[in-house]
Amino acid sequence: MTGFPTHRARVHDTSLPLHRRHSALRTCLTRFAPYGLRSTYHHLTVSARMPRHLETDPDSLLRAVEELHEARELWRARAEEYAARRRAEKRAGRRKPSETAWWDRPRWESPHATWRHDPFLHPKLSLPDYVRRQNALLDGAELPGCPACGEEGPPVPVPTGHGLAELCRSCAQVLTPCPCGRWHGFEPDLRVGWSRTWRREHMSGTGEPDPHWPGARGTARVERLAAYHVAHGPY
């Protein structure tokens, strides 16, 4: 199976049709996607100013894949350090890690649980800045605001049916779980299909986000999330 570097090179290969270079970018995202595949793709369409019709700005594909590549290099370096430390801990008899790496969090504890359902609620940070932030937290840094995005505004209370959970008003990461002791995920009342996101219906022809689509944004979108019970979460 070909890896990330091969598909990154295909994105750069101007002899290939645009649709194949675009597909290569998607394959890169299956290898590394800090916000989850759909949310990371949405982020890149906005940060790289990827227009609805790629012919108007084919270089947007290069901007997108290079941001992804920079973040991946930061992650790879930190992952190699973490793996080396875990090997040393195991040799010393410590089988359980002192902390769980952010890329190895259980699915129900990951902010991806919300971002997977709603790709419009990922952090506004660039991918390299997000990886730097997560690496710093893994190293014990005390950073202000939401762990995922740094938002310092008041959280949004969202009812779960058993109580209230508090979510980041910017990216919807769960800051305070529901006091019922069950783990809840959150999803939008109106989902946006992957095919519509893939076609960049949320972007204009000039590479700017369409201000009229997909409706509620930001905190208003967080407020409209609906809770569901995650059976495999902690009790």
C-alpha atoms as a PDB file:
ATOM      1  CA  MET A   1       0.000   0.000   0.000  1.00  0.00           C
ATOM      2  CA  THR A   2       1.441   3.359  -0.992  1.00  0.00           C
ATOM      3  CA  GLY A   3       2.085   5.853   1.767  1.00  0.00           C
ATOM      4  CA  PHE A   4       1.649   9.531   2.462  1.00  0.00           C
ATOM      5  CA  PRO A   5       4.812  10.725   0.634  1.00  0.00           C
ATOM      6  CA  THR A   6       3.736   8.993  -2.594  1.00  0.00           C
ATOM      7  CA  HIS A   7       0.304  10.608  -2.591  1.00  0.00           C
ATOM      8  CA  ARG A   8       1.741  13.977  -1.591  1.00  0.00           C
ATOM      9  CA  ALA A   9       3.976  13.752  -4.670  1.00  0.00           C
ATOM     10  CA  ARG A  10       0.921  13.027  -6.817  1.00  0.00           C
ATOM     11  CA  VAL A  11      -0.789  16.160  -5.516  1.00  0.00           C
ATOM     12  CA  HIS A  12       2.282  18.083  -6.706  1.00  0.00           C
ATOM     13  CA  ASP A  13       2.386  16.335 -10.091  1.00  0.00           C
ATOM     14  CA  THR A  14       0.979  18.908 -12.528  1.00  0.00           C
ATOM     15  CA  SER A  15       1.015  16.347 -15.353  1.00  0.00           C
ATOM     16  CA  LEU A  16      -1.897  14.551 -13.661  1.00  0.00           C
ATOM     17  CA  PRO A  17      -5.529  15.636 -14.152  1.00  0.00           C
ATOM     18  CA  LEU A  18      -6.854  17.818 -11.350  1.00  0.00           C
ATOM     19  CA  HIS A  19      -9.359  15.220 -10.228  1.00  0.00           C
ATOM     20  CA  ARG A  20      -6.565  12.699  -9.667  1.00  0.00           C
ATOM     21  CA  ARG A  21      -4.475  15.195  -7.727  1.00  0.00           C
ATOM     22  CA  HIS A  22      -7.546  15.977  -5.642  1.00  0.00           C
ATOM     23  CA  SER A  23      -8.106  12.268  -4.995  1.00  0.00           C
ATOM     24  CA  ALA A  24      -4.470  11.964  -3.940  1.00  0.00           C
ATOM     25  CA  LEU A  25      -5.085  14.667  -1.337  1.00  0.00           C
ATOM     26  CA  ARG A  26      -8.008  12.646  -0.005  1.00  0.00           C
ATOM     27  CA  THR A  27      -5.783   9.567   0.241  1.00  0.00           C
ATOM     28  CA  CYS A  28      -3.248  11.636   2.197  1.00  0.00           C
ATOM     29  CA  LEU A  29      -6.058  12.362   4.641  1.00  0.00           C
ATOM     30  CA  THR A  30      -6.681   8.660   5.137  1.00  0.00           C
ATOM     31  CA  ARG A  31      -3.061   8.444   6.336  1.00  0.00           C
ATOM     32  CA  PHE A  32      -3.136  11.503   8.610  1.00  0.00           C
ATOM     33  CA  ALA A  33      -6.069  13.700   9.599  1.00  0.00           C
ATOM     34  CA  PRO A  34      -5.724  15.488  12.974  1.00  0.00           C
ATOM     35  CA  TYR A  35      -9.362  16.615  12.977  1.00  0.00           C
ATOM     36  CA  GLY A  36     -10.732  13.398  11.482  1.00  0.00           C
ATOM     37  CA  LEU A  37     -11.043  12.927   7.718  1.00  0.00           C
ATOM     38  CA  ARG A  38     -14.094  15.062   6.957  1.00  0.00           C
ATOM     39  CA  SER A  39     -13.242  17.876   9.361  1.00  0.00           C
ATOM     40  CA  THR A  40      -9.598  17.987   8.270  1.00  0.00           C
ATOM     41  CA  TYR A  41     -10.660  18.144   4.632  1.00  0.00           C
ATOM     42  CA  HIS A  42     -13.122  20.937   5.418  1.00  0.00           C
ATOM     43  CA  HIS A  43     -10.403  22.802   7.303  1.00  0.00           C
ATOM     44  CA  LEU A  44      -8.012  22.515   4.365  1.00  0.00           C
ATOM     45  CA  THR A  45     -10.602  23.754   1.873  1.00  0.00           C
ATOM     46  CA  VAL A  46     -10.960  26.906   3.962  1.00  0.00           C
ATOM     47  CA  SER A  47      -7.330  27.453   4.964  1.00  0.00           C
ATOM     48  CA  ALA A  48      -6.012  26.768   1.440  1.00  0.00           C
ATOM     49  CA  ARG A  49      -8.877  28.776  -0.136  1.00  0.00           C
ATOM     50  CA  MET A  50      -9.867  25.819  -2.274  1.00  0.00           C
ATOM     51  CA  PRO A  51     -12.578  27.025  -4.698  1.00  0.00           C
ATOM     52  CA  ARG A  52     -15.611  25.044  -5.714  1.00  0.00           C
ATOM     53  CA  HIS A  53     -14.069  24.660  -9.175  1.00  0.00           C
ATOM     54  CA  LEU A  54     -10.423  23.652  -8.821  1.00  0.00           C
ATOM     55  CA  GLU A  55      -9.535  24.870 -12.319  1.00  0.00           C
ATOM     56  CA  THR A  56      -9.692  28.442 -11.063  1.00  0.00           C
ATOM     57  CA  ASP A  57      -6.910  27.836  -8.515  1.00  0.00           C
ATOM     58  CA  PRO A  58      -5.131  24.478  -8.861  1.00  0.00           C
ATOM     59  CA  ASP A  59      -2.360  25.683  -6.528  1.00  0.00           C
ATOM     60  CA  SER A  60      -4.850  25.479  -3.673  1.00  0.00           C
ATOM     61  CA  LEU A  61      -4.192  21.722  -3.685  1.00  0.00           C
ATOM     62  CA  LEU A  62      -0.507  22.404  -3.031  1.00  0.00           C
ATOM     63  CA  ARG A  63      -1.282  24.768  -0.167  1.00  0.00           C
ATOM     64  CA  ALA A  64      -3.566  22.159   1.356  1.00  0.00           C
ATOM     65  CA  VAL A  65      -1.207  19.197   1.134  1.00  0.00           C
ATOM     66  CA  GLU A  66       1.755  21.214   2.411  1.00  0.00           C
ATOM     67  CA  GLU A  67      -0.137  22.334   5.517  1.00  0.00           C
ATOM     68  CA  LEU A  68      -1.062  18.709   6.106  1.00  0.00           C
ATOM     69  CA  HIS A  69       2.543  17.614   5.514  1.00  0.00           C
ATOM     70  CA  GLU A  70       3.937  20.163   7.991  1.00  0.00           C
ATOM     71  CA  ALA A  71       1.535  18.984  10.687  1.00  0.00           C
ATOM     72  CA  ARG A  72       2.355  15.344   9.957  1.00  0.00           C
ATOM     73  CA  GLU A  73       6.084  15.959  10.317  1.00  0.00           C
ATOM     74  CA  LEU A  74       5.514  17.531  13.743  1.00  0.00           C
ATOM     75  CA  TRP A  75       3.370  14.570  14.752  1.00  0.00           C
ATOM     76  CA  ARG A  76       5.876  12.010  13.446  1.00  0.00           C
ATOM     77  CA  ALA A  77       8.728  13.550  15.423  1.00  0.00           C
ATOM     78  CA  ARG A  78       6.662  13.576  18.623  1.00  0.00           C
ATOM     79  CA  ALA A  79       5.335  10.054  18.016  1.00  0.00           C
ATOM     80  CA  GLU A  80       8.872   8.715  17.600  1.00  0.00           C
ATOM     81  CA  GLU A  81       9.922  10.355  20.878  1.00  0.00           C
ATOM     82  CA  TYR A  82       6.856   8.951  22.619  1.00  0.00           C
ATOM     83  CA  ALA A  83       7.504   5.443  21.272  1.00  0.00           C
ATOM     84  CA  ALA A  84      11.124   5.561  22.448  1.00  0.00           C
ATOM     85  CA  ARG A  85      10.025   6.634  25.933  1.00  0.00           C
ATOM     86  CA  ARG A  86       7.411   3.868  26.083  1.00  0.00           C
ATOM     87  CA  ARG A  87      10.033   1.277  25.154  1.00  0.00           C
ATOM     88  CA  ALA A  88      12.222   2.539  28.003  1.00  0.00           C
ATOM     89  CA  GLU A  89       9.261   2.449  30.413  1.00  0.00           C
ATOM     90  CA  LYS A  90       8.441  -1.126  29.433  1.00  0.00           C
ATOM     91  CA  ARG A  91      12.046  -2.182  29.987  1.00  0.00           C
ATOM     92  CA  ALA A  92      11.743  -0.659  33.455  1.00  0.00           C
ATOM     93  CA  GLY A  93       8.598  -2.705  34.119  1.00  0.00           C
ATOM     94  CA  ARG A  94       6.004   0.025  33.579  1.00  0.00           C
ATOM     95  CA  ARG A  95       3.496  -1.582  31.236  1.00  0.00           C
ATOM     96  CA  LYS A  96       0.842   1.101  31.580  1.00  0.00           C
ATOM     97  CA  PRO A  97       1.765   4.443  29.963  1.00  0.00           C
ATOM     98  CA  SER A  98       2.108   7.427  32.278  1.00  0.00           C
ATOM     99  CA  GLU A  99      -0.186   9.309  29.907  1.00  0.00           C
ATOM    100  CA  THR A 100      -2.133   8.456  26.762  1.00  0.00           C
ATOM    101  CA  ALA A 101      -0.866  10.153  23.622  1.00  0.00           C
ATOM    102  CA  TRP A 102      -3.443  12.448  22.067  1.00  0.00           C
ATOM    103  CA  TRP A 103      -3.450  10.410  18.854  1.00  0.00           C
ATOM    104  CA  ASP A 104      -4.227   7.217  20.816  1.00  0.00           C
ATOM    105  CA  ARG A 105      -7.229   8.455  22.798  1.00  0.00           C
ATOM    106  CA  PRO A 106     -10.222   6.085  22.876  1.00  0.00           C
ATOM    107  CA  ARG A 107     -12.751   7.018  20.223  1.00  0.00           C
ATOM    108  CA  TRP A 108     -15.404   8.090  22.739  1.00  0.00           C
ATOM    109  CA  GLU A 109     -12.956  10.433  24.526  1.00  0.00           C
ATOM    110  CA  SER A 110     -11.694  12.052  21.360  1.00  0.00           C
ATOM    111  CA  PRO A 111     -13.028  15.413  20.166  1.00  0.00           C
ATOM    112  CA  HIS A 112     -13.253  13.685  16.773  1.00  0.00           C
ATOM    113  CA  ALA A 113     -16.478  12.125  18.054  1.00  0.00           C
ATOM    114  CA  THR A 114     -18.200  15.478  17.504  1.00  0.00           C
ATOM    115  CA  TRP A 115     -16.058  16.671  14.605  1.00  0.00           C
ATOM    116  CA  ARG A 116     -16.758  13.421  12.753  1.00  0.00           C
ATOM    117  CA  HIS A 117     -20.491  14.181  12.798  1.00  0.00           C
ATOM    118  CA  ASP A 118     -20.133  17.890  12.051  1.00  0.00           C
ATOM    119  CA  PRO A 119     -17.062  18.882  10.015  1.00  0.00           C
ATOM    120  CA  PHE A 120     -17.878  22.570  10.544  1.00  0.00           C
ATOM    121  CA  LEU A 121     -17.009  22.470  14.261  1.00  0.00           C
ATOM    122  CA  HIS A 122     -13.305  21.658  14.226  1.00  0.00           C
ATOM    123  CA  PRO A 123     -10.749  24.067  15.790  1.00  0.00           C
ATOM    124  CA  LYS A 124      -9.878  27.208  13.862  1.00  0.00           C
ATOM    125  CA  LEU A 125      -6.163  26.561  14.440  1.00  0.00           C
ATOM    126  CA  SER A 126      -3.926  25.641  11.535  1.00  0.00           C
ATOM    127  CA  LEU A 127      -3.090  21.942  11.564  1.00  0.00           C
ATOM    128  CA  PRO A 128       0.559  22.523  12.594  1.00  0.00           C
ATOM    129  CA  ASP A 129      -0.578  24.806  15.449  1.00  0.00           C
ATOM    130  CA  TYR A 130      -3.079  22.183  16.595  1.00  0.00           C
ATOM    131  CA  VAL A 131      -0.390  19.480  16.639  1.00  0.00           C
ATOM    132  CA  ARG A 132       1.997  21.816  18.509  1.00  0.00           C
ATOM    133  CA  ARG A 133      -0.713  22.505  21.082  1.00  0.00           C
ATOM    134  CA  GLN A 134      -1.497  18.824  21.593  1.00  0.00           C
ATOM    135  CA  ASN A 135       2.200  17.976  21.848  1.00  0.00           C
ATOM    136  CA  ALA A 136       2.694  20.704  24.447  1.00  0.00           C
ATOM    137  CA  LEU A 137      -0.219  19.391  26.517  1.00  0.00           C
ATOM    138  CA  LEU A 138       1.198  15.876  26.267  1.00  0.00           C
ATOM    139  CA  ASP A 139       4.471  17.235  27.632  1.00  0.00           C
ATOM    140  CA  GLY A 140       2.671  18.676  30.651  1.00  0.00           C
ATOM    141  CA  ALA A 141       2.285  22.301  29.595  1.00  0.00           C
ATOM    142  CA  GLU A 142      -0.552  24.229  31.233  1.00  0.00           C
ATOM    143  CA  LEU A 143      -2.243  26.103  28.418  1.00  0.00           C
ATOM    144  CA  PRO A 144      -5.268  28.364  28.848  1.00  0.00           C
ATOM    145  CA  GLY A 145      -8.647  27.717  27.336  1.00  0.00           C
ATOM    146  CA  CYS A 146     -10.090  24.701  25.561  1.00  0.00           C
ATOM    147  CA  PRO A 147      -7.513  21.905  25.252  1.00  0.00           C
ATOM    148  CA  ALA A 148      -8.299  21.486  21.561  1.00  0.00           C
ATOM    149  CA  CYS A 149      -8.490  25.053  20.298  1.00  0.00           C
ATOM    150  CA  GLY A 150      -7.576  27.459  23.101  1.00  0.00           C
ATOM    151  CA  GLU A 151     -10.983  29.166  23.212  1.00  0.00           C
ATOM    152  CA  GLU A 152     -11.290  30.985  26.555  1.00  0.00           C
ATOM    153  CA  GLY A 153     -14.930  32.050  26.348  1.00  0.00           C
ATOM    154  CA  PRO A 154     -17.612  30.528  28.587  1.00  0.00           C
ATOM    155  CA  PRO A 155     -18.625  26.971  27.673  1.00  0.00           C
ATOM    156  CA  VAL A 156     -21.992  26.095  26.167  1.00  0.00           C
ATOM    157  CA  PRO A 157     -24.279  23.930  28.339  1.00  0.00           C
ATOM    158  CA  VAL A 158     -25.943  21.209  26.260  1.00  0.00           C
ATOM    159  CA  PRO A 159     -28.658  18.966  27.745  1.00  0.00           C
ATOM    160  CA  THR A 160     -28.029  15.230  27.563  1.00  0.00           C
ATOM    161  CA  GLY A 161     -31.355  13.951  28.928  1.00  0.00           C
ATOM    162  CA  HIS A 162     -29.590  13.166  32.201  1.00  0.00           C
ATOM    163  CA  GLY A 163     -28.136  16.564  32.980  1.00  0.00           C
ATOM    164  CA  LEU A 164     -25.932  19.137  31.286  1.00  0.00           C
ATOM    165  CA  ALA A 165     -22.553  18.750  29.643  1.00  0.00           C
ATOM    166  CA  GLU A 166     -20.365  21.782  28.930  1.00  0.00           C
ATOM    167  CA  LEU A 167     -18.878  22.096  25.451  1.00  0.00           C
ATOM    168  CA  CYS A 168     -16.341  24.496  23.982  1.00  0.00           C
ATOM    169  CA  ARG A 169     -18.236  27.330  22.345  1.00  0.00           C
ATOM    170  CA  SER A 170     -15.883  27.269  19.359  1.00  0.00           C
ATOM    171  CA  CYS A 171     -15.059  23.629  18.549  1.00  0.00           C
ATOM    172  CA  ALA A 172     -17.572  21.679  20.690  1.00  0.00           C
ATOM    173  CA  GLN A 173     -15.000  19.626  22.579  1.00  0.00           C
ATOM    174  CA  VAL A 174     -16.517  18.276  25.801  1.00  0.00           C
ATOM    175  CA  LEU A 175     -14.982  20.329  28.623  1.00  0.00           C
ATOM    176  CA  THR A 176     -17.184  19.010  31.453  1.00  0.00           C
ATOM    177  CA  PRO A 177     -18.986  15.671  30.930  1.00  0.00           C
ATOM    178  CA  CYS A 178     -22.544  15.131  32.052  1.00  0.00           C
ATOM    179  CA  PRO A 179     -22.632  14.508  35.836  1.00  0.00           C
ATOM    180  CA  CYS A 180     -24.748  11.370  35.315  1.00  0.00           C
ATOM    181  CA  GLY A 181     -21.539   9.381  34.880  1.00  0.00           C
ATOM    182  CA  ARG A 182     -22.366   8.169  31.389  1.00  0.00           C
ATOM    183  CA  TRP A 183     -20.347   9.265  28.387  1.00  0.00           C
ATOM    184  CA  HIS A 184     -22.250  11.208  25.752  1.00  0.00           C
ATOM    185  CA  GLY A 185     -21.364  12.139  22.197  1.00  0.00           C
ATOM    186  CA  PHE A 186     -22.914  15.023  20.292  1.00  0.00           C
ATOM    187  CA  GLU A 187     -24.167  15.375  16.751  1.00  0.00           C
ATOM    188  CA  PRO A 188     -25.837  18.170  14.750  1.00  0.00           C
ATOM    189  CA  ASP A 189     -29.580  18.291  14.293  1.00  0.00           C
ATOM    190  CA  LEU A 190     -28.966  18.596  10.555  1.00  0.00           C
ATOM    191  CA  ARG A 191     -25.975  16.704   9.167  1.00  0.00           C
ATOM    192  CA  VAL A 192     -24.051  17.746   6.078  1.00  0.00           C
ATOM    193  CA  GLY A 193     -23.362  14.811   3.756  1.00  0.00           C
ATOM    194  CA  TRP A 194     -19.797  13.916   2.876  1.00  0.00           C
ATOM    195  CA  SER A 195     -20.491  14.222  -0.849  1.00  0.00           C
ATOM    196  CA  ARG A 196     -21.545  17.850  -0.424  1.00  0.00           C
ATOM    197  CA  THR A 197     -18.444  18.609   1.630  1.00  0.00           C
ATOM    198  CA  TRP A 198     -16.245  16.762  -0.889  1.00  0.00           C
ATOM    199  CA  ARG A 199     -17.704  18.907  -3.716  1.00  0.00           C
ATOM    200  CA  ARG A 200     -16.952  22.001  -1.611  1.00  0.00           C
ATOM    201  CA  GLU A 201     -20.476  23.308  -1.742  1.00  0.00           C
ATOM    202  CA  HIS A 202     -19.540  25.382   1.296  1.00  0.00           C
ATOM    203  CA  MET A 203     -16.982  27.312  -0.801  1.00  0.00           C
ATOM    204  CA  SER A 204     -17.468  30.032  -3.372  1.00  0.00           C
ATOM    205  CA  GLY A 205     -15.958  30.151  -6.838  1.00  0.00           C
ATOM    206  CA  THR A 206     -13.222  32.479  -5.565  1.00  0.00           C
ATOM    207  CA  GLY A 207     -12.065  30.275  -2.684  1.00  0.00           C
ATOM    208  CA  GLU A 208     -13.940  32.010   0.119  1.00  0.00           C
ATOM    209  CA  PRO A 209     -16.440  30.237   2.403  1.00  0.00           C
ATOM    210  CA  ASP A 210     -20.018  30.691   1.290  1.00  0.00           C
ATOM    211  CA  PRO A 211     -21.528  32.899   4.053  1.00  0.00           C
ATOM    212  CA  HIS A 212     -24.994  31.432   3.489  1.00  0.00           C
ATOM    213  CA  TRP A 213     -24.099  27.751   3.809  1.00  0.00           C
ATOM    214  CA  PRO A 214     -24.611  25.548   5.797  1.00  0.00           C
ATOM    215  CA  GLY A 215     -26.657  27.823   8.064  1.00  0.00           C
ATOM    216  CA  ALA A 216     -25.876  28.191  11.767  1.00  0.00           C
ATOM    217  CA  ARG A 217     -22.172  28.568  12.527  1.00  0.00           C
ATOM    218  CA  GLY A 218     -19.921  28.916  15.549  1.00  0.00           C
ATOM    219  CA  THR A 219     -21.537  28.978  18.987  1.00  0.00           C
ATOM    220  CA  ALA A 220     -25.038  28.879  17.487  1.00  0.00           C
ATOM    221  CA  ARG A 221     -24.121  25.561  15.869  1.00  0.00           C
ATOM    222  CA  VAL A 222     -22.773  24.164  19.146  1.00  0.00           C
ATOM    223  CA  GLU A 223     -25.998  25.132  20.924  1.00  0.00           C
ATOM    224  CA  ARG A 224     -28.008  23.038  18.465  1.00  0.00           C
ATOM    225  CA  LEU A 225     -26.068  19.803  19.024  1.00  0.00           C
ATOM    226  CA  ALA A 226     -28.011  16.792  20.228  1.00  0.00           C
ATOM    227  CA  ALA A 227     -26.560  14.335  22.756  1.00  0.00           C
ATOM    228  CA  TYR A 228     -26.461  10.561  22.400  1.00  0.00           C
ATOM    229  CA  HIS A 229     -25.216   7.911  24.796  1.00  0.00           C
ATOM    230  CA  VAL A 230     -21.912   6.201  23.968  1.00  0.00           C
ATOM    231  CA  ALA A 231     -22.240   2.592  25.091  1.00  0.00           C
ATOM    232  CA  HIS A 232     -18.493   1.937  25.222  1.00  0.00           C
ATOM    233  CA  GLY A 233     -17.587   5.021  27.213  1.00  0.00           C
ATOM    234  CA  PRO A 234     -16.757   5.062  30.930  1.00  0.00           C
ATOM    235  CA  TYR A 235     -19.615   4.638  33.378  1.00  0.00           C
END
